[in-house]
Amino acid sequence: MRELLTEQDVELLNIYAEYNMKVQPTAEATHYNRRTIYRILESIRRRVGYDPQEFRGLFMILQTLEKEGARGR
């Protein structure tokens, strides 16, 4: 899965998880617009097959990245 995500994607997912999957605090922490966060999350969903906007999807993505040693936090 690591090859499907950029470093920025991984960092965004970590921040998104840290802020309990809330877009507004994630946007403030990353200095992105809320709509940009939604676009990035949708792009990640299309690339990896799990929806990071759902708890199960985010968990599966982060768990896989951790197993691959790419989570970074």
PDB file of N, CA and C in Angstrom:
ATOM      1  N   MET A   1       0.823  -1.190   0.000  1.00  0.00           N
ATOM      2  CA  MET A   1       0.000   0.000   0.000  1.00  0.00           C
ATOM      3  C   MET A   1       0.868   1.256   0.000  1.00  0.00           C
ATOM      4  N   ARG A   2       2.038   1.151   0.582  1.00  0.00           N
ATOM      5  CA  ARG A   2       2.920   2.314   0.701  1.00  0.00           C
ATOM      6  C   ARG A   2       3.221   2.944  -0.653  1.00  0.00           C
ATOM      7  N   GLU A   3       3.344   2.120  -1.674  1.00  0.00           N
ATOM      8  CA  GLU A   3       3.666   2.645  -2.999  1.00  0.00           C
ATOM      9  C   GLU A   3       2.508   3.439  -3.606  1.00  0.00           C
ATOM     10  N   LEU A   4       1.310   3.298  -3.050  1.00  0.00           N
ATOM     11  CA  LEU A   4       0.143   4.006  -3.562  1.00  0.00           C
ATOM     12  C   LEU A   4      -0.059   5.377  -2.920  1.00  0.00           C
ATOM     13  N   LEU A   5       0.674   5.644  -1.838  1.00  0.00           N
ATOM     14  CA  LEU A   5       0.488   6.879  -1.087  1.00  0.00           C
ATOM     15  C   LEU A   5       1.762   7.710  -1.067  1.00  0.00           C
ATOM     16  N   THR A   6       1.589   9.020  -1.097  1.00  0.00           N
ATOM     17  CA  THR A   6       2.729   9.919  -0.974  1.00  0.00           C
ATOM     18  C   THR A   6       3.011  10.158   0.509  1.00  0.00           C
ATOM     19  N   GLU A   7       4.147  10.752   0.801  1.00  0.00           N
ATOM     20  CA  GLU A   7       4.464  11.118   2.186  1.00  0.00           C
ATOM     21  C   GLU A   7       3.418  12.087   2.735  1.00  0.00           C
ATOM     22  N   GLN A   8       2.943  12.995   1.885  1.00  0.00           N
ATOM     23  CA  GLN A   8       1.917  13.949   2.297  1.00  0.00           C
ATOM     24  C   GLN A   8       0.606  13.235   2.633  1.00  0.00           C
ATOM     25  N   ASP A   9       0.265  12.204   1.854  1.00  0.00           N
ATOM     26  CA  ASP A   9      -0.933  11.416   2.145  1.00  0.00           C
ATOM     27  C   ASP A   9      -0.827  10.759   3.517  1.00  0.00           C
ATOM     28  N   VAL A  10       0.313  10.147   3.787  1.00  0.00           N
ATOM     29  CA  VAL A  10       0.528   9.458   5.060  1.00  0.00           C
ATOM     30  C   VAL A  10       0.458  10.456   6.214  1.00  0.00           C
ATOM     31  N   GLU A  11       1.083  11.599   6.048  1.00  0.00           N
ATOM     32  CA  GLU A  11       1.059  12.626   7.096  1.00  0.00           C
ATOM     33  C   GLU A  11      -0.377  13.118   7.321  1.00  0.00           C
ATOM     34  N   LEU A  12      -1.115  13.349   6.245  1.00  0.00           N
ATOM     35  CA  LEU A  12      -2.498  13.790   6.374  1.00  0.00           C
ATOM     36  C   LEU A  12      -3.331  12.737   7.108  1.00  0.00           C
ATOM     37  N   LEU A  13      -3.172  11.478   6.764  1.00  0.00           N
ATOM     38  CA  LEU A  13      -3.929  10.415   7.432  1.00  0.00           C
ATOM     39  C   LEU A  13      -3.608  10.351   8.922  1.00  0.00           C
ATOM     40  N   ASN A  14      -2.351  10.524   9.271  1.00  0.00           N
ATOM     41  CA  ASN A  14      -1.971  10.531  10.684  1.00  0.00           C
ATOM     42  C   ASN A  14      -2.602  11.693  11.431  1.00  0.00           C
ATOM     43  N   ILE A  15      -2.593  12.868  10.822  1.00  0.00           N
ATOM     44  CA  ILE A  15      -3.205  14.040  11.457  1.00  0.00           C
ATOM     45  C   ILE A  15      -4.717  13.856  11.543  1.00  0.00           C
ATOM     46  N   TYR A  16      -5.324  13.351  10.487  1.00  0.00           N
ATOM     47  CA  TYR A  16      -6.765  13.089  10.455  1.00  0.00           C
ATOM     48  C   TYR A  16      -7.155  12.118  11.577  1.00  0.00           C
ATOM     49  N   ALA A  17      -6.370  11.079  11.782  1.00  0.00           N
ATOM     50  CA  ALA A  17      -6.625  10.128  12.867  1.00  0.00           C
ATOM     51  C   ALA A  17      -6.428  10.800  14.225  1.00  0.00           C
ATOM     52  N   GLU A  18      -5.380  11.605  14.334  1.00  0.00           N
ATOM     53  CA  GLU A  18      -5.087  12.307  15.589  1.00  0.00           C
ATOM     54  C   GLU A  18      -6.242  13.219  15.997  1.00  0.00           C
ATOM     55  N   TYR A  19      -6.907  13.817  15.028  1.00  0.00           N
ATOM     56  CA  TYR A  19      -8.033  14.707  15.293  1.00  0.00           C
ATOM     57  C   TYR A  19      -9.371  13.976  15.183  1.00  0.00           C
ATOM     58  N   ASN A  20      -9.353  12.669  15.462  1.00  0.00           N
ATOM     59  CA  ASN A  20     -10.579  11.859  15.531  1.00  0.00           C
ATOM     60  C   ASN A  20     -11.433  11.929  14.275  1.00  0.00           C
ATOM     61  N   MET A  21     -10.774  11.936  13.119  1.00  0.00           N
ATOM     62  CA  MET A  21     -11.447  11.914  11.827  1.00  0.00           C
ATOM     63  C   MET A  21     -12.327  13.146  11.607  1.00  0.00           C
ATOM     64  N   LYS A  22     -11.942  14.259  12.171  1.00  0.00           N
ATOM     65  CA  LYS A  22     -12.676  15.517  11.992  1.00  0.00           C
ATOM     66  C   LYS A  22     -11.927  16.372  10.963  1.00  0.00           C
ATOM     67  N   VAL A  23     -12.648  16.784   9.943  1.00  0.00           N
ATOM     68  CA  VAL A  23     -12.027  17.483   8.823  1.00  0.00           C
ATOM     69  C   VAL A  23     -11.585  18.898   9.196  1.00  0.00           C
ATOM     70  N   GLN A  24     -12.411  19.652   9.903  1.00  0.00           N
ATOM     71  CA  GLN A  24     -12.063  21.043  10.200  1.00  0.00           C
ATOM     72  C   GLN A  24     -10.768  21.155  11.007  1.00  0.00           C
ATOM     73  N   PRO A  25     -10.600  20.422  12.115  1.00  0.00           N
ATOM     74  CA  PRO A  25      -9.327  20.512  12.843  1.00  0.00           C
ATOM     75  C   PRO A  25      -8.136  20.027  12.002  1.00  0.00           C
ATOM     76  N   THR A  26      -8.375  19.017  11.158  1.00  0.00           N
ATOM     77  CA  THR A  26      -7.317  18.530  10.262  1.00  0.00           C
ATOM     78  C   THR A  26      -6.924  19.628   9.288  1.00  0.00           C
ATOM     79  N   ALA A  27      -7.908  20.314   8.738  1.00  0.00           N
ATOM     80  CA  ALA A  27      -7.639  21.408   7.799  1.00  0.00           C
ATOM     81  C   ALA A  27      -6.842  22.516   8.474  1.00  0.00           C
ATOM     82  N   GLU A  28      -7.219  22.846   9.700  1.00  0.00           N
ATOM     83  CA  GLU A  28      -6.496  23.892  10.425  1.00  0.00           C
ATOM     84  C   GLU A  28      -5.055  23.465  10.727  1.00  0.00           C
ATOM     85  N   ALA A  29      -4.867  22.212  11.083  1.00  0.00           N
ATOM     86  CA  ALA A  29      -3.528  21.724  11.418  1.00  0.00           C
ATOM     87  C   ALA A  29      -2.617  21.640  10.197  1.00  0.00           C
ATOM     88  N   THR A  30      -3.207  21.367   9.034  1.00  0.00           N
ATOM     89  CA  THR A  30      -2.403  21.204   7.816  1.00  0.00           C
ATOM     90  C   THR A  30      -2.371  22.456   6.949  1.00  0.00           C
ATOM     91  N   HIS A  31      -3.187  23.451   7.306  1.00  0.00           N
ATOM     92  CA  HIS A  31      -3.311  24.691   6.531  1.00  0.00           C
ATOM     93  C   HIS A  31      -3.879  24.445   5.136  1.00  0.00           C
ATOM     94  N   TYR A  32      -4.721  23.409   5.024  1.00  0.00           N
ATOM     95  CA  TYR A  32      -5.466  23.137   3.800  1.00  0.00           C
ATOM     96  C   TYR A  32      -6.899  23.580   3.991  1.00  0.00           C
ATOM     97  N   ASN A  33      -7.585  23.826   2.886  1.00  0.00           N
ATOM     98  CA  ASN A  33      -9.006  24.090   2.904  1.00  0.00           C
ATOM     99  C   ASN A  33      -9.732  22.775   3.190  1.00  0.00           C
ATOM    100  N   ARG A  34     -10.902  22.837   3.834  1.00  0.00           N
ATOM    101  CA  ARG A  34     -11.673  21.621   4.118  1.00  0.00           C
ATOM    102  C   ARG A  34     -11.957  20.827   2.841  1.00  0.00           C
ATOM    103  N   ARG A  35     -12.296  21.525   1.776  1.00  0.00           N
ATOM    104  CA  ARG A  35     -12.595  20.837   0.511  1.00  0.00           C
ATOM    105  C   ARG A  35     -11.371  20.098  -0.022  1.00  0.00           C
ATOM    106  N   THR A  36     -10.202  20.662   0.203  1.00  0.00           N
ATOM    107  CA  THR A  36      -8.967  19.998  -0.214  1.00  0.00           C
ATOM    108  C   THR A  36      -8.781  18.704   0.566  1.00  0.00           C
ATOM    109  N   ILE A  37      -9.071  18.735   1.857  1.00  0.00           N
ATOM    110  CA  ILE A  37      -8.972  17.524   2.676  1.00  0.00           C
ATOM    111  C   ILE A  37      -9.907  16.456   2.120  1.00  0.00           C
ATOM    112  N   TYR A  38     -11.151  16.832   1.832  1.00  0.00           N
ATOM    113  CA  TYR A  38     -12.106  15.865   1.267  1.00  0.00           C
ATOM    114  C   TYR A  38     -11.611  15.298  -0.070  1.00  0.00           C
ATOM    115  N   ARG A  39     -11.045  16.141  -0.913  1.00  0.00           N
ATOM    116  CA  ARG A  39     -10.522  15.678  -2.212  1.00  0.00           C
ATOM    117  C   ARG A  39      -9.373  14.699  -2.020  1.00  0.00           C
ATOM    118  N   ILE A  40      -8.466  15.003  -1.090  1.00  0.00           N
ATOM    119  CA  ILE A  40      -7.336  14.115  -0.836  1.00  0.00           C
ATOM    120  C   ILE A  40      -7.827  12.778  -0.288  1.00  0.00           C
ATOM    121  N   LEU A  41      -8.765  12.817   0.652  1.00  0.00           N
ATOM    122  CA  LEU A  41      -9.304  11.572   1.218  1.00  0.00           C
ATOM    123  C   LEU A  41      -9.992  10.737   0.148  1.00  0.00           C
ATOM    124  N   GLU A  42     -10.720  11.387  -0.748  1.00  0.00           N
ATOM    125  CA  GLU A  42     -11.378  10.660  -1.845  1.00  0.00           C
ATOM    126  C   GLU A  42     -10.332  10.062  -2.788  1.00  0.00           C
ATOM    127  N   SER A  43      -9.281  10.793  -3.060  1.00  0.00           N
ATOM    128  CA  SER A  43      -8.204  10.287  -3.911  1.00  0.00           C
ATOM    129  C   SER A  43      -7.538   9.062  -3.273  1.00  0.00           C
ATOM    130  N   ILE A  44      -7.325   9.128  -1.977  1.00  0.00           N
ATOM    131  CA  ILE A  44      -6.746   7.985  -1.263  1.00  0.00           C
ATOM    132  C   ILE A  44      -7.677   6.783  -1.363  1.00  0.00           C
ATOM    133  N   ARG A  45      -8.982   7.007  -1.178  1.00  0.00           N
ATOM    134  CA  ARG A  45      -9.951   5.915  -1.287  1.00  0.00           C
ATOM    135  C   ARG A  45      -9.886   5.228  -2.645  1.00  0.00           C
ATOM    136  N   ARG A  46      -9.813   6.025  -3.703  1.00  0.00           N
ATOM    137  CA  ARG A  46      -9.748   5.456  -5.054  1.00  0.00           C
ATOM    138  C   ARG A  46      -8.463   4.661  -5.266  1.00  0.00           C
ATOM    139  N   ARG A  47      -7.359   5.134  -4.699  1.00  0.00           N
ATOM    140  CA  ARG A  47      -6.073   4.460  -4.915  1.00  0.00           C
ATOM    141  C   ARG A  47      -5.905   3.190  -4.089  1.00  0.00           C
ATOM    142  N   VAL A  48      -6.348   3.189  -2.845  1.00  0.00           N
ATOM    143  CA  VAL A  48      -6.065   2.042  -1.972  1.00  0.00           C
ATOM    144  C   VAL A  48      -7.252   1.101  -1.784  1.00  0.00           C
ATOM    145  N   GLY A  49      -8.462   1.572  -2.092  1.00  0.00           N
ATOM    146  CA  GLY A  49      -9.623   0.703  -1.976  1.00  0.00           C
ATOM    147  C   GLY A  49     -10.304   0.724  -0.616  1.00  0.00           C
ATOM    148  N   TYR A  50      -9.786   1.471   0.324  1.00  0.00           N
ATOM    149  CA  TYR A  50     -10.415   1.657   1.631  1.00  0.00           C
ATOM    150  C   TYR A  50     -10.784   3.128   1.774  1.00  0.00           C
ATOM    151  N   ASP A  51     -11.939   3.379   2.386  1.00  0.00           N
ATOM    152  CA  ASP A  51     -12.396   4.756   2.560  1.00  0.00           C
ATOM    153  C   ASP A  51     -11.893   5.305   3.893  1.00  0.00           C
ATOM    154  N   PRO A  52     -10.942   6.237   3.877  1.00  0.00           N
ATOM    155  CA  PRO A  52     -10.420   6.772   5.132  1.00  0.00           C
ATOM    156  C   PRO A  52     -11.427   7.636   5.891  1.00  0.00           C
ATOM    157  N   GLN A  53     -12.578   7.935   5.285  1.00  0.00           N
ATOM    158  CA  GLN A  53     -13.604   8.700   5.990  1.00  0.00           C
ATOM    159  C   GLN A  53     -14.483   7.802   6.855  1.00  0.00           C
ATOM    160  N   GLU A  54     -14.287   6.486   6.742  1.00  0.00           N
ATOM    161  CA  GLU A  54     -14.961   5.521   7.600  1.00  0.00           C
ATOM    162  C   GLU A  54     -13.924   4.961   8.561  1.00  0.00           C
ATOM    163  N   PHE A  55     -14.327   4.723   9.800  1.00  0.00           N
ATOM    164  CA  PHE A  55     -13.374   4.255  10.808  1.00  0.00           C
ATOM    165  C   PHE A  55     -12.638   3.001  10.347  1.00  0.00           C
ATOM    166  N   ARG A  56     -13.381   2.026   9.856  1.00  0.00           N
ATOM    167  CA  ARG A  56     -12.766   0.765   9.430  1.00  0.00           C
ATOM    168  C   ARG A  56     -11.733   0.995   8.322  1.00  0.00           C
ATOM    169  N   GLY A  57     -12.065   1.852   7.367  1.00  0.00           N
ATOM    170  CA  GLY A  57     -11.150   2.125   6.267  1.00  0.00           C
ATOM    171  C   GLY A  57      -9.873   2.798   6.740  1.00  0.00           C
ATOM    172  N   LEU A  58     -10.015   3.813   7.589  1.00  0.00           N
ATOM    173  CA  LEU A  58      -8.840   4.497   8.115  1.00  0.00           C
ATOM    174  C   LEU A  58      -7.990   3.542   8.933  1.00  0.00           C
ATOM    175  N   PHE A  59      -8.646   2.720   9.762  1.00  0.00           N
ATOM    176  CA  PHE A  59      -7.925   1.746  10.574  1.00  0.00           C
ATOM    177  C   PHE A  59      -7.136   0.782   9.697  1.00  0.00           C
ATOM    178  N   MET A  60      -7.772   0.260   8.648  1.00  0.00           N
ATOM    179  CA  MET A  60      -7.094  -0.698   7.758  1.00  0.00           C
ATOM    180  C   MET A  60      -5.897  -0.051   7.063  1.00  0.00           C
ATOM    181  N   ILE A  61      -6.045   1.181   6.612  1.00  0.00           N
ATOM    182  CA  ILE A  61      -4.942   1.873   5.949  1.00  0.00           C
ATOM    183  C   ILE A  61      -3.779   2.075   6.917  1.00  0.00           C
ATOM    184  N   LEU A  62      -4.079   2.617   8.098  1.00  0.00           N
ATOM    185  CA  LEU A  62      -3.011   2.901   9.060  1.00  0.00           C
ATOM    186  C   LEU A  62      -2.369   1.625   9.581  1.00  0.00           C
ATOM    187  N   GLN A  63      -3.161   0.586   9.782  1.00  0.00           N
ATOM    188  CA  GLN A  63      -2.607  -0.692  10.240  1.00  0.00           C
ATOM    189  C   GLN A  63      -1.663  -1.277   9.184  1.00  0.00           C
ATOM    190  N   THR A  64      -2.068  -1.215   7.928  1.00  0.00           N
ATOM    191  CA  THR A  64      -1.221  -1.728   6.849  1.00  0.00           C
ATOM    192  C   THR A  64       0.070  -0.923   6.742  1.00  0.00           C
ATOM    193  N   LEU A  65      -0.044   0.402   6.843  1.00  0.00           N
ATOM    194  CA  LEU A  65       1.162   1.248   6.792  1.00  0.00           C
ATOM    195  C   LEU A  65       2.098   0.945   7.952  1.00  0.00           C
ATOM    196  N   GLU A  66       1.518   0.698   9.121  1.00  0.00           N
ATOM    197  CA  GLU A  66       2.353   0.388  10.288  1.00  0.00           C
ATOM    198  C   GLU A  66       3.081  -0.935  10.086  1.00  0.00           C
ATOM    199  N   LYS A  67       2.401  -1.917   9.540  1.00  0.00           N
ATOM    200  CA  LYS A  67       3.037  -3.219   9.251  1.00  0.00           C
ATOM    201  C   LYS A  67       4.152  -3.064   8.234  1.00  0.00           C
ATOM    202  N   GLU A  68       3.954  -2.147   7.291  1.00  0.00           N
ATOM    203  CA  GLU A  68       4.956  -1.912   6.256  1.00  0.00           C
ATOM    204  C   GLU A  68       6.064  -0.988   6.752  1.00  0.00           C
ATOM    205  N   GLY A  69       5.896  -0.454   7.959  1.00  0.00           N
ATOM    206  CA  GLY A  69       6.904   0.428   8.534  1.00  0.00           C
ATOM    207  C   GLY A  69       6.905   1.820   7.955  1.00  0.00           C
ATOM    208  N   ALA A  70       5.751   2.281   7.453  1.00  0.00           N
ATOM    209  CA  ALA A  70       5.704   3.576   6.781  1.00  0.00           C
ATOM    210  C   ALA A  70       4.844   4.604   7.496  1.00  0.00           C
ATOM    211  N   ARG A  71       4.304   4.271   8.660  1.00  0.00           N
ATOM    212  CA  ARG A  71       3.364   5.191   9.292  1.00  0.00           C
ATOM    213  C   ARG A  71       4.029   6.473   9.756  1.00  0.00           C
ATOM    214  N   GLY A  72       5.188   6.382  10.341  1.00  0.00           N
ATOM    215  CA  GLY A  72       5.964   7.579  10.617  1.00  0.00           C
ATOM    216  C   GLY A  72       5.654   8.330  11.880  1.00  0.00           C
ATOM    217  N   ARG A  73       4.622   7.992  12.622  1.00  0.00           N
ATOM    218  CA  ARG A  73       4.330   8.720  13.857  1.00  0.00           C
ATOM    219  C   ARG A  73       4.313   7.822  15.021  1.00  0.00           C
TER     220      ARG A  73
END
